[in-house]
Amino acid sequence: MADGTRVFLVVVDESPEMRTALRYACRRAKRTGGRVALLYVMDPPETQQWGGVADLMRQEARQQAEQVVATHAEQASTLTGQPPAIHIREGKSREELLKLIAEDRSISVLVLGSSSTNEGPGPLVTAFIGKSGGQLRIPLTIVPGGLTEAEVDAIA
């Protein structure tokens, strides 16, 4: 967005911490006059599949992605009062995320949730607090996945 509006990007997946990150991004966007963008990255079909089968798998994955994103887009619209920008891509999450941030100069903050379990922070958080952190041109906000809605609202 050329008008200087802050865009908070959330990577959509099925994790509980993503919902916390989305709520935080929506609350921050609403409070600062910004917008929310959602990125869903589909895994590519396995390369040894025949062309027709791979196309069908890709179609089914796209439909699933659209359903998942639609649910979260509805929540974002409710919390911010405006529809989010939606990006659906195919590939590896970290690579597609970096490509989108490079292509869309309106994205100004990446918001990720950290896991509230003992399984570790998740692959994207791990990548960006490690070696890949230098590849980001924007700030990274990591929201603790175990926060309640009230706690998120209080800090956003």
Protein backbone atom coordinates (compact mmCIF):
# COMPACT_ATOMS: atom_id res chain seq x y z
CA MET A 1 0.00 0.00 0.00
CA ALA A 2 1.52 3.21 -1.14
CA ASP A 3 -0.32 5.30 1.43
CA GLY A 4 1.98 4.27 4.28
CA THR A 5 -0.53 1.98 5.97
CA ARG A 6 1.19 -0.64 8.09
CA VAL A 7 0.48 -4.17 6.91
CA PHE A 8 0.80 -6.99 9.43
CA LEU A 9 1.50 -10.33 7.73
CA VAL A 10 0.42 -13.58 9.39
CA VAL A 11 1.36 -17.01 8.03
CA VAL A 12 -1.75 -19.19 8.16
CA ASP A 13 -1.52 -22.80 9.25
CA GLU A 14 -3.48 -25.14 11.49
CA SER A 15 -1.52 -24.44 14.69
CA PRO A 16 -3.16 -22.97 17.81
CA GLU A 17 -0.41 -20.34 18.08
CA MET A 18 -1.30 -19.01 14.62
CA ARG A 19 -4.70 -17.97 16.00
CA THR A 20 -2.95 -16.02 18.75
CA ALA A 21 -0.65 -14.34 16.21
CA LEU A 22 -3.65 -13.50 14.03
CA ARG A 23 -5.54 -11.92 16.92
CA TYR A 24 -2.48 -9.87 17.85
CA ALA A 25 -1.96 -8.71 14.24
CA CYS A 26 -5.65 -7.78 13.92
CA ARG A 27 -5.67 -5.84 17.19
CA ARG A 28 -2.46 -4.00 16.27
CA ALA A 29 -3.80 -3.21 12.79
CA LYS A 30 -7.07 -1.90 14.19
CA ARG A 31 -5.30 0.19 16.82
CA THR A 32 -2.76 1.69 14.41
CA GLY A 33 -4.96 2.12 11.34
CA GLY A 34 -3.17 -0.71 9.57
CA ARG A 35 -4.23 -3.76 7.62
CA VAL A 36 -3.74 -7.50 7.91
CA ALA A 37 -2.41 -9.81 5.21
CA LEU A 38 -2.63 -13.59 5.32
CA LEU A 39 -0.20 -16.01 3.66
CA TYR A 40 -0.98 -19.70 3.20
CA VAL A 41 1.72 -21.85 1.63
CA MET A 42 0.68 -25.16 0.10
CA ASP A 43 3.10 -28.04 -0.14
CA PRO A 44 3.82 -28.86 -3.78
CA PRO A 45 2.59 -32.27 -4.97
CA GLU A 46 5.22 -34.97 -5.05
CA THR A 47 7.18 -34.74 -8.30
CA GLN A 48 6.91 -38.40 -9.27
CA GLN A 49 3.14 -38.11 -9.77
CA TRP A 50 1.76 -38.20 -13.28
CA GLY A 51 0.76 -34.84 -14.72
CA GLY A 52 -3.01 -35.32 -14.40
CA VAL A 53 -2.75 -36.69 -10.89
CA ALA A 54 -0.43 -33.86 -9.82
CA ASP A 55 -2.86 -31.31 -11.27
CA LEU A 56 -5.77 -32.87 -9.39
CA MET A 57 -3.74 -32.93 -6.16
CA ARG A 58 -2.82 -29.28 -6.71
CA GLN A 59 -6.49 -28.36 -7.28
CA GLU A 60 -7.58 -30.16 -4.10
CA ALA A 61 -4.79 -28.53 -2.09
CA ARG A 62 -5.84 -25.12 -3.44
CA GLN A 63 -9.47 -25.70 -2.43
CA GLN A 64 -8.36 -26.77 1.05
CA ALA A 65 -6.11 -23.70 1.32
CA GLU A 66 -8.95 -21.40 0.29
CA GLN A 67 -11.27 -22.94 2.92
CA VAL A 68 -8.69 -22.58 5.70
CA VAL A 69 -7.83 -19.01 4.72
CA ALA A 70 -11.51 -18.03 4.39
CA THR A 71 -12.14 -18.95 8.03
CA HIS A 72 -9.24 -16.83 9.25
CA ALA A 73 -10.04 -14.01 6.82
CA GLU A 74 -13.53 -13.84 8.30
CA GLN A 75 -12.08 -13.51 11.79
CA ALA A 76 -9.64 -10.83 10.59
CA SER A 77 -12.50 -8.90 8.97
CA THR A 78 -14.51 -9.08 12.18
CA LEU A 79 -11.61 -7.88 14.34
CA THR A 80 -10.34 -5.13 12.04
CA GLY A 81 -13.46 -4.03 10.18
CA GLN A 82 -11.85 -4.64 6.78
CA PRO A 83 -10.98 -7.69 4.70
CA PRO A 84 -7.36 -8.86 4.81
CA ALA A 85 -5.13 -9.23 1.79
CA ILE A 86 -4.89 -12.93 0.97
CA HIS A 87 -1.88 -14.67 -0.55
CA ILE A 88 -1.91 -18.39 -1.39
CA ARG A 89 1.31 -19.85 -2.73
CA GLU A 90 2.84 -23.23 -3.41
CA GLY A 91 6.31 -24.20 -2.23
CA LYS A 92 8.35 -24.15 0.96
CA SER A 93 6.96 -21.82 3.64
CA ARG A 94 10.16 -19.92 4.44
CA GLU A 95 11.08 -19.39 0.78
CA GLU A 96 7.59 -18.26 -0.24
CA LEU A 97 7.34 -15.98 2.78
CA LEU A 98 10.63 -14.28 1.92
CA LYS A 99 9.56 -13.93 -1.73
CA LEU A 100 6.25 -12.31 -0.75
CA ILE A 101 7.95 -9.86 1.62
CA ALA A 102 10.41 -8.93 -1.15
CA GLU A 103 7.64 -8.52 -3.74
CA ASP A 104 5.05 -6.69 -1.63
CA ARG A 105 6.71 -3.59 -0.20
CA SER A 106 3.52 -2.68 1.71
CA ILE A 107 4.14 -5.51 4.21
CA SER A 108 5.72 -3.84 7.21
CA VAL A 109 5.59 -6.38 10.08
CA LEU A 110 5.72 -10.19 10.15
CA VAL A 111 3.72 -11.64 13.05
CA LEU A 112 4.38 -15.26 14.07
CA GLY A 113 3.18 -17.23 17.06
CA SER A 114 5.50 -19.32 19.18
CA SER A 115 4.33 -22.73 20.30
CA SER A 116 2.86 -23.05 23.77
CA THR A 117 3.99 -26.68 23.98
CA ASN A 118 7.38 -28.23 24.66
CA GLU A 119 7.80 -29.06 20.98
CA GLY A 120 9.82 -25.92 20.30
CA PRO A 121 9.03 -22.63 18.60
CA GLY A 122 8.13 -23.97 15.14
CA PRO A 123 10.11 -23.96 11.90
CA LEU A 124 9.52 -20.35 10.83
CA VAL A 125 10.26 -18.85 14.24
CA THR A 126 13.35 -21.06 14.48
CA ALA A 127 14.52 -19.99 11.02
CA PHE A 128 14.04 -16.27 11.58
CA ILE A 129 15.61 -16.10 15.03
CA GLY A 130 18.53 -18.06 13.58
CA LYS A 131 20.43 -17.90 10.32
CA SER A 132 17.53 -16.64 8.17
CA GLY A 133 16.83 -13.63 10.38
CA GLY A 134 19.12 -11.44 8.32
CA GLN A 135 16.98 -12.09 5.24
CA LEU A 136 14.02 -10.16 6.65
CA ARG A 137 13.68 -6.50 5.63
CA ILE A 138 10.89 -5.93 8.17
CA PRO A 139 10.47 -6.36 11.93
CA LEU A 140 9.42 -9.75 13.27
CA THR A 141 6.94 -9.91 16.13
CA ILE A 142 6.76 -13.24 17.94
CA VAL A 143 3.59 -13.65 19.98
CA PRO A 144 3.63 -16.28 22.76
CA GLY A 145 1.12 -18.93 21.71
CA GLY A 146 -0.15 -19.51 25.24
CA LEU A 147 -1.60 -16.02 25.72
CA THR A 148 -5.33 -15.69 26.33
CA GLU A 149 -7.47 -13.44 24.14
CA ALA A 150 -7.62 -10.90 26.98
CA GLU A 151 -3.82 -10.93 27.31
CA VAL A 152 -3.39 -10.45 23.57
CA ASP A 153 -5.88 -7.59 23.57
CA ALA A 154 -4.06 -5.94 26.49
CA ILE A 155 -0.65 -5.94 24.80
CA ALA A 156 -1.79 -5.23 21.24
